[in-house]
Amino acid sequence: MTSSNVLTERRGAVLEVTLNRPKANAIDMATSRELGEIFTEFRDDPELRVAILTGAGEKFFCPGWDLKAAAGGEDADGDYGKGGFGGLQELRGLNKPVIAAVNGIACGGGLELAISADIILAADHASFALPEIKSGTVADAATLKLPKRIPYHIAMELLYTGRWFDVEEAHRWGLVNRIVPGAELMAEARKMADELASGPPLVFAAIKEIAREAEDMKFQDALNRINGSQFETVERLYRSEDQKEGARAFAEKRDPVWKGR
């Protein structure tokens, strides 16, 4: 699962994925397809419970699309592979926690990739932008997602102007969960990943599916789907050994042992 463009490391139930394309960790077609394969394997591996996505070095998380590849003839609307651009934002059925550890500049498609994660930790020197407007194109995924993540008027300003904003502003609008000193970023991401990996994977899967599928549904319609066992992950949870284990552990005043089944 490791190449020169994308490095991966398994730490127990945690998969670390590192973009490694000097100088800026930009993503071309081949790298996007590779990321899609990696996140598909992560999704389908029952032994893996949490992923961390970061970039190599200290300056760039990811600036998005590789403009040098585009200048060389790669089509911006070509085949990005499984999961769409970056392998994450369109991957169906990915019901496991993903942490983005933003170690530097995240702009354009790189910012879209970060906001496809569930939790964003950012280094104190990280910076962000959606500069597509300045090249006469649209940040499509960000236009769909950003107004649902942060206040509408702020999202529209960022999309309309393409201006840069620092990590403190990103945190103020709730775009990142936590600001971490750069030297401590991966240690903090690993600590959080380990905490999540020790939690109930079937509950996490249900939370993620409900949140994703119910995003554009009315509250009562979504609740009816949950109560009617129409979410696959919820139905699996309610019939699982883990749910019984949770109840037993509570009654016996001990920590539960989650098996993911």
Protein backbone atom coordinates (compact mmCIF):
# COMPACT_ATOMS: atom_id res chain seq x y z
CA MET A 1 0.00 0.00 0.00
CA THR A 2 3.05 2.28 -0.05
CA SER A 3 4.61 4.14 -2.99
CA SER A 4 6.86 7.15 -3.35
CA ASN A 5 3.81 9.41 -3.83
CA VAL A 6 1.76 8.14 -0.90
CA LEU A 7 3.21 6.59 2.23
CA THR A 8 1.12 4.37 4.46
CA GLU A 9 1.77 2.87 7.86
CA ARG A 10 -0.40 0.60 9.96
CA ARG A 11 -0.26 1.14 13.72
CA GLY A 12 -2.54 -1.51 15.12
CA ALA A 13 -6.06 -0.46 14.13
CA VAL A 14 -4.90 2.93 12.79
CA LEU A 15 -3.83 3.62 9.20
CA GLU A 16 -1.62 6.64 8.56
CA VAL A 17 -1.69 8.04 5.02
CA THR A 18 0.93 10.63 4.06
CA LEU A 19 0.99 12.59 0.80
CA ASN A 20 4.62 12.62 -0.31
CA ARG A 21 5.04 14.52 -3.57
CA PRO A 22 7.70 17.22 -3.27
CA LYS A 23 7.66 20.12 -3.40
CA ALA A 24 4.03 20.72 -2.45
CA ASN A 25 2.18 17.37 -2.19
CA ALA A 26 0.01 18.25 -5.18
CA ILE A 27 -2.23 15.48 -6.49
CA ASP A 28 -2.14 14.23 -10.08
CA MET A 29 -4.32 11.51 -11.62
CA ALA A 30 -2.05 8.65 -10.60
CA THR A 31 -1.84 9.87 -7.00
CA SER A 32 -5.59 10.38 -6.79
CA ARG A 33 -6.23 6.85 -8.02
CA GLU A 34 -3.69 5.49 -5.56
CA LEU A 35 -5.39 7.34 -2.70
CA GLY A 36 -8.71 5.87 -3.83
CA GLU A 37 -7.30 2.35 -3.64
CA ILE A 38 -5.80 3.03 -0.21
CA PHE A 39 -9.00 4.42 1.29
CA THR A 40 -11.03 1.60 -0.29
CA GLU A 41 -8.76 -0.94 1.38
CA PHE A 42 -9.08 0.98 4.64
CA ARG A 43 -12.89 0.93 4.33
CA ASP A 44 -12.99 -2.79 3.65
CA ASP A 45 -10.40 -3.99 6.19
CA PRO A 46 -12.18 -5.02 9.42
CA GLU A 47 -8.93 -4.74 11.37
CA LEU A 48 -8.55 -1.03 10.59
CA ARG A 49 -10.77 1.39 12.50
CA VAL A 50 -9.36 4.91 12.05
CA ALA A 51 -7.30 6.73 9.41
CA ILE A 52 -5.05 9.77 9.66
CA LEU A 53 -4.36 11.79 6.50
CA THR A 54 -1.45 14.24 6.46
CA GLY A 55 1.27 15.63 4.20
CA ALA A 56 5.02 15.15 4.22
CA GLY A 57 7.15 18.05 5.38
CA GLU A 58 6.15 21.14 7.31
CA LYS A 59 5.10 23.60 4.60
CA PHE A 60 2.36 21.89 2.58
CA PHE A 61 -0.54 19.66 3.47
CA CYS A 62 -1.82 19.74 -0.10
CA PRO A 63 -2.42 22.52 -2.67
CA GLY A 64 -4.87 20.37 -4.59
CA TRP A 65 -4.62 19.61 -8.29
CA ASP A 66 -1.12 19.30 -9.78
CA LEU A 67 -0.97 22.19 -12.26
CA LYS A 68 2.26 20.86 -13.76
CA ALA A 69 0.43 17.65 -14.62
CA ALA A 70 -2.36 19.72 -16.12
CA ALA A 71 0.15 21.67 -18.19
CA GLY A 72 1.53 18.34 -19.34
CA GLY A 73 -1.84 17.30 -20.73
CA GLU A 74 -3.78 15.75 -17.84
CA ASP A 75 -7.45 16.69 -18.01
CA ALA A 76 -8.85 18.29 -14.84
CA ASP A 77 -12.15 16.46 -15.29
CA GLY A 78 -10.59 13.08 -16.05
CA ASP A 79 -10.77 9.83 -14.10
CA TYR A 80 -9.61 10.46 -10.54
CA GLY A 81 -10.35 6.87 -9.53
CA LYS A 82 -12.32 5.47 -6.64
CA GLY A 83 -13.64 8.09 -4.27
CA GLY A 84 -13.14 10.96 -6.72
CA PHE A 85 -10.39 13.54 -6.29
CA GLY A 86 -8.06 12.47 -3.50
CA GLY A 87 -9.89 9.16 -3.06
CA LEU A 88 -11.89 10.33 -0.08
CA GLN A 89 -14.62 12.84 -0.75
CA GLU A 90 -16.86 10.61 -2.90
CA LEU A 91 -15.99 7.17 -1.51
CA ARG A 92 -19.23 5.33 -0.81
CA GLY A 93 -19.76 3.49 2.45
CA LEU A 94 -16.73 4.87 4.27
CA ASN A 95 -18.18 4.54 7.76
CA LYS A 96 -14.98 4.86 9.76
CA PRO A 97 -13.45 7.97 11.37
CA VAL A 98 -10.90 9.89 9.31
CA ILE A 99 -8.67 12.55 10.89
CA ALA A 100 -6.96 15.18 8.74
CA ALA A 101 -3.71 16.39 10.30
CA VAL A 102 -3.14 19.59 8.34
CA ASN A 103 0.57 20.26 8.61
CA GLY A 104 0.79 23.38 6.42
CA ILE A 105 -0.85 24.99 3.40
CA ALA A 106 -4.22 23.47 2.42
CA CYS A 107 -5.73 25.22 -0.56
CA GLY A 108 -8.01 24.43 -3.48
CA GLY A 109 -8.55 20.70 -3.75
CA GLY A 110 -6.29 20.20 -0.73
CA LEU A 111 -8.74 22.10 1.46
CA GLU A 112 -11.61 20.15 -0.13
CA LEU A 113 -9.75 16.95 0.78
CA ALA A 114 -9.29 18.10 4.39
CA ILE A 115 -12.97 18.95 4.86
CA SER A 116 -13.85 15.48 3.60
CA ALA A 117 -12.38 14.15 6.86
CA ASP A 118 -14.45 13.90 10.04
CA ILE A 119 -12.03 15.72 12.32
CA ILE A 120 -9.41 18.33 11.39
CA LEU A 121 -6.36 19.04 13.53
CA ALA A 122 -4.17 21.83 12.18
CA ALA A 123 -0.63 22.98 12.86
CA ASP A 124 -0.34 26.49 14.24
CA HIS A 125 1.28 27.67 10.99
CA ALA A 126 -1.34 26.15 8.67
CA SER A 127 -3.12 28.39 6.16
CA PHE A 128 -6.04 27.93 3.83
CA ALA A 129 -7.62 29.27 0.63
CA LEU A 130 -9.98 28.41 -2.20
CA PRO A 131 -8.26 30.29 -5.04
CA GLU A 132 -10.15 28.66 -7.92
CA ILE A 133 -12.10 31.86 -8.54
CA LYS A 134 -8.86 33.59 -9.58
CA SER A 135 -8.26 31.07 -12.36
CA GLY A 136 -11.79 31.24 -13.67
CA THR A 137 -13.02 27.94 -12.32
CA VAL A 138 -15.20 26.72 -9.46
CA ALA A 139 -14.23 24.90 -6.28
CA ASP A 140 -17.04 22.42 -6.81
CA ALA A 141 -16.77 20.21 -3.71
CA ALA A 142 -16.10 23.20 -1.45
CA THR A 143 -19.07 25.08 -2.89
CA LEU A 144 -21.26 22.14 -1.88
CA LYS A 145 -19.70 21.45 1.51
CA LEU A 146 -18.34 24.69 2.96
CA PRO A 147 -21.68 26.53 3.45
CA LYS A 148 -22.80 23.51 5.50
CA ARG A 149 -19.65 23.48 7.64
CA ILE A 150 -19.30 27.15 8.54
CA PRO A 151 -21.62 30.21 8.47
CA TYR A 152 -23.07 30.72 4.99
CA HIS A 153 -21.91 34.32 4.57
CA ILE A 154 -18.34 33.47 5.55
CA ALA A 155 -18.26 30.48 3.21
CA MET A 156 -19.52 32.61 0.32
CA GLU A 157 -16.93 35.30 1.00
CA LEU A 158 -14.14 32.73 0.92
CA LEU A 159 -15.48 31.19 -2.28
CA TYR A 160 -16.08 34.56 -3.99
CA THR A 161 -12.74 36.15 -3.08
CA GLY A 162 -10.35 33.20 -2.93
CA ARG A 163 -8.53 34.99 -0.11
CA TRP A 164 -6.12 33.30 2.26
CA PHE A 165 -7.06 32.82 5.91
CA ASP A 166 -4.95 31.61 8.78
CA VAL A 167 -5.52 28.77 11.20
CA GLU A 168 -6.90 31.02 13.92
CA GLU A 169 -9.67 32.21 11.60
CA ALA A 170 -10.33 28.64 10.47
CA HIS A 171 -10.72 27.63 14.11
CA ARG A 172 -12.93 30.61 14.88
CA TRP A 173 -15.42 29.54 12.19
CA GLY A 174 -15.30 25.92 13.33
CA LEU A 175 -13.51 24.65 10.23
CA VAL A 176 -10.79 22.99 12.31
CA ASN A 177 -11.27 21.22 15.62
CA ARG A 178 -8.00 22.13 17.24
CA ILE A 179 -4.81 24.13 16.67
CA VAL A 180 -1.66 22.25 17.62
CA PRO A 181 2.01 23.31 17.63
CA GLY A 182 3.51 21.96 14.42
CA ALA A 183 6.01 19.73 16.19
CA GLU A 184 3.18 18.10 18.17
CA LEU A 185 0.65 17.66 15.36
CA MET A 186 1.16 13.99 14.58
CA ALA A 187 1.47 13.03 18.24
CA GLU A 188 -1.89 14.71 18.88
CA ALA A 189 -3.46 13.07 15.82
CA ARG A 190 -2.19 9.66 16.92
CA LYS A 191 -3.49 10.18 20.43
CA MET A 192 -6.93 11.00 19.08
CA ALA A 193 -6.82 8.11 16.60
CA ASP A 194 -5.89 5.65 19.33
CA GLU A 195 -8.75 6.91 21.48
CA LEU A 196 -11.21 6.44 18.62
CA ALA A 197 -9.75 3.05 17.71
CA SER A 198 -10.55 1.82 21.22
CA GLY A 199 -14.18 2.86 20.82
CA PRO A 200 -17.19 0.97 19.40
CA PRO A 201 -16.69 0.69 15.62
CA LEU A 202 -20.29 -0.28 14.89
CA VAL A 203 -21.56 2.80 16.73
CA PHE A 204 -19.10 5.00 14.82
CA ALA A 205 -20.31 3.48 11.56
CA ALA A 206 -23.93 4.21 12.45
CA ILE A 207 -23.12 7.78 13.46
CA LYS A 208 -21.27 8.44 10.22
CA GLU A 209 -23.91 6.91 7.96
CA ILE A 210 -26.76 8.75 9.70
CA ALA A 211 -24.92 12.09 9.58
CA ARG A 212 -24.07 11.65 5.90
CA GLU A 213 -27.39 10.34 4.64
CA ALA A 214 -29.55 12.64 6.76
CA GLU A 215 -27.73 15.83 5.77
CA ASP A 216 -30.41 16.86 3.28
CA MET A 217 -33.38 15.14 4.96
CA LYS A 218 -36.00 16.57 7.24
CA PHE A 219 -35.49 15.63 10.88
CA GLN A 220 -38.61 13.49 11.18
CA ASP A 221 -37.91 11.69 7.90
CA ALA A 222 -34.41 10.81 9.08
CA LEU A 223 -35.68 9.71 12.50
CA ASN A 224 -38.31 7.53 10.84
CA ARG A 225 -35.59 5.87 8.78
CA ILE A 226 -33.60 5.15 11.94
CA ASN A 227 -36.61 3.78 13.82
CA GLY A 228 -37.64 1.78 10.78
CA SER A 229 -34.23 0.07 10.59
CA GLN A 230 -33.61 1.57 7.16
CA PHE A 231 -29.97 2.40 7.80
CA GLU A 232 -27.79 -0.66 7.24
CA THR A 233 -25.28 0.30 9.92
CA VAL A 234 -27.97 0.93 12.53
CA GLU A 235 -29.63 -2.40 11.81
CA ARG A 236 -26.27 -4.16 12.08
CA LEU A 237 -25.53 -2.39 15.38
CA TYR A 238 -28.87 -3.35 16.95
CA ARG A 239 -28.27 -7.02 16.08
CA SER A 240 -24.63 -7.09 17.17
CA GLU A 241 -22.67 -8.71 19.95
CA ASP A 242 -21.18 -5.28 20.67
CA GLN A 243 -24.53 -3.81 21.70
CA LYS A 244 -25.05 -6.64 24.17
CA GLU A 245 -21.48 -6.22 25.38
CA GLY A 246 -22.07 -2.51 25.98
CA ALA A 247 -25.09 -3.22 28.15
CA ARG A 248 -23.27 -5.96 30.08
CA ALA A 249 -20.21 -3.79 30.66
CA PHE A 250 -22.38 -0.95 31.98
CA ALA A 251 -24.22 -3.29 34.36
CA GLU A 252 -20.96 -4.87 35.52
CA LYS A 253 -19.23 -1.48 35.90
CA ARG A 254 -16.31 -2.34 33.63
CA ASP A 255 -14.88 -1.19 30.34
CA PRO A 256 -16.49 -2.84 27.32
CA VAL A 257 -14.49 -5.00 24.92
CA TRP A 258 -15.57 -4.05 21.41
CA LYS A 259 -15.24 -6.68 18.68
CA GLY A 260 -16.91 -4.90 15.80
CA ARG A 261 -19.48 -7.62 15.33
